[in-house]
């Protein structure tokens, strides 16, 4: 097998979650920092730094791409195909494409994890409906109930365009 030639049009990416140019998004009360986007990886993957406060995490869902999480701080309870697993700092979990899952921080301290999605695109989905915030640990913006409902409705409307599906009614 012959490897393709190097593509000098692609650059090395070196990033810190606190760099002023990274994007921080408030998603379901969590803060997701896009470290490496699909634009930077030719669509091969995206890497997102997730700050998940106590009680945080998305609703049950599934999507047609691989998703891997490495816990950096704290612990998060993952529910995968209906079975709960506590994942702690230093552990990694891989969610196969199309498998029903969600995660929830059911502990008293914030959790931080890296999420890699392959191929990329999840960061674009989040950007399409989430509110920007100022930093990796910024609290979510104060939204009225109407604004929260609008954001949830937009996320549900766009889900299929980003190869995702919510698994609870009216989401």
C-alpha atoms as a PDB file:
ATOM      1  CA  UNK A   1       0.000   0.000   0.000  1.00  0.00           C
ATOM      2  CA  UNK A   2       1.263   3.435  -0.906  1.00  0.00           C
ATOM      3  CA  UNK A   3       0.380   6.297   1.403  1.00  0.00           C
ATOM      4  CA  UNK A   4      -0.887   9.537  -0.112  1.00  0.00           C
ATOM      5  CA  UNK A   5       1.537  12.442  -0.250  1.00  0.00           C
ATOM      6  CA  UNK A   6       1.647  14.917   2.609  1.00  0.00           C
ATOM      7  CA  UNK A   7      -0.853  17.736   2.260  1.00  0.00           C
ATOM      8  CA  UNK A   8       1.121  20.928   3.014  1.00  0.00           C
ATOM      9  CA  UNK A   9      -2.163  22.849   3.033  1.00  0.00           C
ATOM     10  CA  UNK A  10      -3.029  21.292   6.395  1.00  0.00           C
ATOM     11  CA  UNK A  11      -1.417  22.888   9.443  1.00  0.00           C
ATOM     12  CA  UNK A  12      -0.305  21.645  12.816  1.00  0.00           C
ATOM     13  CA  UNK A  13      -2.907  22.480  15.472  1.00  0.00           C
ATOM     14  CA  UNK A  14      -1.721  23.353  18.971  1.00  0.00           C
ATOM     15  CA  UNK A  15      -4.467  24.597  21.274  1.00  0.00           C
ATOM     16  CA  UNK A  16      -5.265  25.209  24.912  1.00  0.00           C
ATOM     17  CA  UNK A  17      -8.855  25.196  26.202  1.00  0.00           C
ATOM     18  CA  UNK A  18      -8.213  28.693  27.540  1.00  0.00           C
ATOM     19  CA  UNK A  19      -6.923  30.168  24.256  1.00  0.00           C
ATOM     20  CA  UNK A  20      -8.810  33.346  23.343  1.00  0.00           C
ATOM     21  CA  UNK A  21      -9.746  32.039  19.880  1.00  0.00           C
ATOM     22  CA  UNK A  22     -11.477  28.793  20.889  1.00  0.00           C
ATOM     23  CA  UNK A  23     -15.256  28.607  20.867  1.00  0.00           C
ATOM     24  CA  UNK A  24     -17.120  27.919  24.137  1.00  0.00           C
ATOM     25  CA  UNK A  25     -20.770  26.855  23.860  1.00  0.00           C
ATOM     26  CA  UNK A  26     -23.461  26.355  26.475  1.00  0.00           C
ATOM     27  CA  UNK A  27     -25.179  23.046  25.674  1.00  0.00           C
ATOM     28  CA  UNK A  28     -27.833  21.635  28.058  1.00  0.00           C
ATOM     29  CA  UNK A  29     -26.254  23.570  30.947  1.00  0.00           C
ATOM     30  CA  UNK A  30     -22.768  22.197  30.210  1.00  0.00           C
ATOM     31  CA  UNK A  31     -19.954  24.193  28.600  1.00  0.00           C
ATOM     32  CA  UNK A  32     -18.391  22.620  25.507  1.00  0.00           C
ATOM     33  CA  UNK A  33     -15.113  24.058  24.201  1.00  0.00           C
ATOM     34  CA  UNK A  34     -14.262  23.147  20.620  1.00  0.00           C
ATOM     35  CA  UNK A  35     -10.535  22.407  20.716  1.00  0.00           C
ATOM     36  CA  UNK A  36     -10.115  20.932  17.239  1.00  0.00           C
ATOM     37  CA  UNK A  37     -12.787  21.322  14.576  1.00  0.00           C
ATOM     38  CA  UNK A  38     -13.570  19.325  11.487  1.00  0.00           C
ATOM     39  CA  UNK A  39     -12.256  22.255   9.438  1.00  0.00           C
ATOM     40  CA  UNK A  40      -8.844  21.621  11.016  1.00  0.00           C
ATOM     41  CA  UNK A  41      -8.898  17.822  10.475  1.00  0.00           C
ATOM     42  CA  UNK A  42     -10.302  17.642   6.934  1.00  0.00           C
ATOM     43  CA  UNK A  43     -13.541  16.384   8.506  1.00  0.00           C
ATOM     44  CA  UNK A  44     -11.923  13.328  10.095  1.00  0.00           C
ATOM     45  CA  UNK A  45     -12.755  14.160  13.712  1.00  0.00           C
ATOM     46  CA  UNK A  46     -13.533  16.887  16.199  1.00  0.00           C
ATOM     47  CA  UNK A  47     -12.254  17.201  19.771  1.00  0.00           C
ATOM     48  CA  UNK A  48     -14.398  18.931  22.390  1.00  0.00           C
ATOM     49  CA  UNK A  49     -13.472  19.759  25.995  1.00  0.00           C
ATOM     50  CA  UNK A  50     -16.654  19.273  28.049  1.00  0.00           C
ATOM     51  CA  UNK A  51     -17.238  20.901  31.434  1.00  0.00           C
ATOM     52  CA  UNK A  52     -20.191  19.112  33.033  1.00  0.00           C
ATOM     53  CA  UNK A  53     -21.480  20.595  36.314  1.00  0.00           C
ATOM     54  CA  UNK A  54     -23.348  18.498  38.869  1.00  0.00           C
ATOM     55  CA  UNK A  55     -26.678  17.526  37.320  1.00  0.00           C
ATOM     56  CA  UNK A  56     -25.395  18.191  33.793  1.00  0.00           C
ATOM     57  CA  UNK A  57     -25.531  16.058  30.694  1.00  0.00           C
ATOM     58  CA  UNK A  58     -27.652  15.564  27.567  1.00  0.00           C
ATOM     59  CA  UNK A  59     -30.924  13.667  27.184  1.00  0.00           C
ATOM     60  CA  UNK A  60     -30.936  10.121  25.759  1.00  0.00           C
ATOM     61  CA  UNK A  61     -29.872  10.136  22.135  1.00  0.00           C
ATOM     62  CA  UNK A  62     -27.975   8.292  19.438  1.00  0.00           C
ATOM     63  CA  UNK A  63     -26.035   9.278  16.349  1.00  0.00           C
ATOM     64  CA  UNK A  64     -24.423   7.767  13.307  1.00  0.00           C
ATOM     65  CA  UNK A  65     -20.796   8.426  14.273  1.00  0.00           C
ATOM     66  CA  UNK A  66     -18.319   7.173  16.841  1.00  0.00           C
ATOM     67  CA  UNK A  67     -17.914   9.107  20.083  1.00  0.00           C
ATOM     68  CA  UNK A  68     -15.137   8.633  22.629  1.00  0.00           C
ATOM     69  CA  UNK A  69     -14.837  10.300  26.038  1.00  0.00           C
ATOM     70  CA  UNK A  70     -11.777  10.521  28.291  1.00  0.00           C
ATOM     71  CA  UNK A  71     -12.518  11.747  31.819  1.00  0.00           C
ATOM     72  CA  UNK A  72      -9.951  14.293  32.982  1.00  0.00           C
ATOM     73  CA  UNK A  73     -11.597  15.327  36.273  1.00  0.00           C
ATOM     74  CA  UNK A  74     -14.469  14.025  38.369  1.00  0.00           C
ATOM     75  CA  UNK A  75     -16.838  11.250  37.366  1.00  0.00           C
ATOM     76  CA  UNK A  76     -19.806  10.880  35.034  1.00  0.00           C
ATOM     77  CA  UNK A  77     -22.498   8.237  34.856  1.00  0.00           C
ATOM     78  CA  UNK A  78     -22.922   6.923  31.305  1.00  0.00           C
ATOM     79  CA  UNK A  79     -26.053   5.028  30.361  1.00  0.00           C
ATOM     80  CA  UNK A  80     -25.324   2.826  27.367  1.00  0.00           C
ATOM     81  CA  UNK A  81     -28.141   0.724  25.893  1.00  0.00           C
ATOM     82  CA  UNK A  82     -29.969   1.091  29.208  1.00  0.00           C
ATOM     83  CA  UNK A  83     -27.073  -0.026  31.429  1.00  0.00           C
ATOM     84  CA  UNK A  84     -25.373   2.474  33.774  1.00  0.00           C
ATOM     85  CA  UNK A  85     -21.583   2.753  34.067  1.00  0.00           C
ATOM     86  CA  UNK A  86     -19.676   5.166  36.305  1.00  0.00           C
ATOM     87  CA  UNK A  87     -16.631   6.505  34.465  1.00  0.00           C
ATOM     88  CA  UNK A  88     -13.982   8.240  36.573  1.00  0.00           C
ATOM     89  CA  UNK A  89     -10.997  10.497  35.875  1.00  0.00           C
ATOM     90  CA  UNK A  90      -8.368   8.590  33.922  1.00  0.00           C
ATOM     91  CA  UNK A  91     -10.870   6.275  32.216  1.00  0.00           C
ATOM     92  CA  UNK A  92     -11.998   6.308  28.584  1.00  0.00           C
ATOM     93  CA  UNK A  93     -15.291   5.117  27.146  1.00  0.00           C
ATOM     94  CA  UNK A  94     -16.144   4.585  23.476  1.00  0.00           C
ATOM     95  CA  UNK A  95     -19.737   4.806  22.248  1.00  0.00           C
ATOM     96  CA  UNK A  96     -20.269   2.899  18.982  1.00  0.00           C
ATOM     97  CA  UNK A  97     -22.204   4.607  16.207  1.00  0.00           C
ATOM     98  CA  UNK A  98     -25.997   4.305  16.462  1.00  0.00           C
ATOM     99  CA  UNK A  99     -26.012   3.011  20.070  1.00  0.00           C
ATOM    100  CA  UNK A 100     -28.517   4.665  22.441  1.00  0.00           C
ATOM    101  CA  UNK A 101     -26.749   6.491  25.262  1.00  0.00           C
ATOM    102  CA  UNK A 102     -26.473   9.579  27.436  1.00  0.00           C
ATOM    103  CA  UNK A 103     -24.356  10.810  30.314  1.00  0.00           C
ATOM    104  CA  UNK A 104     -25.191  12.556  33.562  1.00  0.00           C
ATOM    105  CA  UNK A 105     -23.033  14.079  36.265  1.00  0.00           C
ATOM    106  CA  UNK A 106     -24.776  12.611  39.286  1.00  0.00           C
ATOM    107  CA  UNK A 107     -21.985  13.670  41.639  1.00  0.00           C
ATOM    108  CA  UNK A 108     -21.353  16.780  43.767  1.00  0.00           C
ATOM    109  CA  UNK A 109     -18.371  18.113  41.810  1.00  0.00           C
ATOM    110  CA  UNK A 110     -17.989  19.247  38.200  1.00  0.00           C
ATOM    111  CA  UNK A 111     -16.559  16.798  35.706  1.00  0.00           C
ATOM    112  CA  UNK A 112     -14.318  17.534  32.774  1.00  0.00           C
ATOM    113  CA  UNK A 113     -13.811  15.275  29.814  1.00  0.00           C
ATOM    114  CA  UNK A 114     -12.534  15.249  26.279  1.00  0.00           C
ATOM    115  CA  UNK A 115     -14.965  14.073  23.613  1.00  0.00           C
ATOM    116  CA  UNK A 116     -13.765  12.953  20.203  1.00  0.00           C
ATOM    117  CA  UNK A 117     -16.349  12.471  17.456  1.00  0.00           C
ATOM    118  CA  UNK A 118     -15.390  10.795  14.224  1.00  0.00           C
ATOM    119  CA  UNK A 119     -16.115  11.892  11.634  1.00  0.00           C
ATOM    120  CA  UNK A 120     -16.439  15.559  12.559  1.00  0.00           C
ATOM    121  CA  UNK A 121     -19.675  17.540  12.518  1.00  0.00           C
ATOM    122  CA  UNK A 122     -20.910  17.432  16.104  1.00  0.00           C
ATOM    123  CA  UNK A 123     -19.225  20.765  16.808  1.00  0.00           C
ATOM    124  CA  UNK A 124     -21.195  22.313  13.949  1.00  0.00           C
ATOM    125  CA  UNK A 125     -24.432  20.906  15.366  1.00  0.00           C
ATOM    126  CA  UNK A 126     -23.729  22.414  18.789  1.00  0.00           C
ATOM    127  CA  UNK A 127     -22.843  25.778  17.228  1.00  0.00           C
ATOM    128  CA  UNK A 128     -26.127  25.785  15.304  1.00  0.00           C
ATOM    129  CA  UNK A 129     -28.293  25.950  18.445  1.00  0.00           C
ATOM    130  CA  UNK A 130     -26.112  26.583  21.528  1.00  0.00           C
ATOM    131  CA  UNK A 131     -25.417  29.910  23.190  1.00  0.00           C
ATOM    132  CA  UNK A 132     -21.802  31.121  23.184  1.00  0.00           C
ATOM    133  CA  UNK A 133     -20.172  31.704  26.580  1.00  0.00           C
ATOM    134  CA  UNK A 134     -16.953  33.468  27.566  1.00  0.00           C
ATOM    135  CA  UNK A 135     -14.824  30.634  28.948  1.00  0.00           C
ATOM    136  CA  UNK A 136     -14.491  26.890  29.511  1.00  0.00           C
ATOM    137  CA  UNK A 137     -15.970  27.117  33.007  1.00  0.00           C
ATOM    138  CA  UNK A 138     -18.465  29.919  32.405  1.00  0.00           C
ATOM    139  CA  UNK A 139     -21.948  29.270  33.738  1.00  0.00           C
ATOM    140  CA  UNK A 140     -24.706  28.890  31.183  1.00  0.00           C
ATOM    141  CA  UNK A 141     -26.582  32.060  30.281  1.00  0.00           C
ATOM    142  CA  UNK A 142     -29.787  32.769  32.139  1.00  0.00           C
ATOM    143  CA  UNK A 143     -32.531  31.799  29.702  1.00  0.00           C
ATOM    144  CA  UNK A 144     -36.245  32.243  30.098  1.00  0.00           C
ATOM    145  CA  UNK A 145     -38.394  29.128  29.855  1.00  0.00           C
ATOM    146  CA  UNK A 146     -39.437  30.275  26.385  1.00  0.00           C
ATOM    147  CA  UNK A 147     -35.786  30.626  25.284  1.00  0.00           C
ATOM    148  CA  UNK A 148     -34.964  27.183  26.707  1.00  0.00           C
ATOM    149  CA  UNK A 149     -37.885  25.661  24.820  1.00  0.00           C
ATOM    150  CA  UNK A 150     -36.825  27.424  21.601  1.00  0.00           C
ATOM    151  CA  UNK A 151     -33.277  26.070  21.955  1.00  0.00           C
ATOM    152  CA  UNK A 152     -34.543  22.518  22.591  1.00  0.00           C
ATOM    153  CA  UNK A 153     -36.907  22.748  19.629  1.00  0.00           C
ATOM    154  CA  UNK A 154     -34.117  23.994  17.364  1.00  0.00           C
ATOM    155  CA  UNK A 155     -31.799  21.198  18.539  1.00  0.00           C
ATOM    156  CA  UNK A 156     -34.526  18.627  17.805  1.00  0.00           C
ATOM    157  CA  UNK A 157     -35.277  20.162  14.385  1.00  0.00           C
ATOM    158  CA  UNK A 158     -31.607  20.095  13.376  1.00  0.00           C
ATOM    159  CA  UNK A 159     -30.697  16.696  14.854  1.00  0.00           C
ATOM    160  CA  UNK A 160     -31.360  14.637  11.730  1.00  0.00           C
ATOM    161  CA  UNK A 161     -29.281  17.055   9.624  1.00  0.00           C
ATOM    162  CA  UNK A 162     -26.342  16.193  11.896  1.00  0.00           C
ATOM    163  CA  UNK A 163     -26.947  12.421  11.937  1.00  0.00           C
ATOM    164  CA  UNK A 164     -28.463  12.478  15.447  1.00  0.00           C
ATOM    165  CA  UNK A 165     -31.734  11.482  17.069  1.00  0.00           C
ATOM    166  CA  UNK A 166     -33.224  12.226  20.482  1.00  0.00           C
ATOM    167  CA  UNK A 167     -34.782   9.229  22.219  1.00  0.00           C
ATOM    168  CA  UNK A 168     -37.302  10.959  24.430  1.00  0.00           C
ATOM    169  CA  UNK A 169     -40.634  12.424  23.337  1.00  0.00           C
ATOM    170  CA  UNK A 170     -40.872  16.129  22.474  1.00  0.00           C
ATOM    171  CA  UNK A 171     -37.117  16.732  22.446  1.00  0.00           C
END
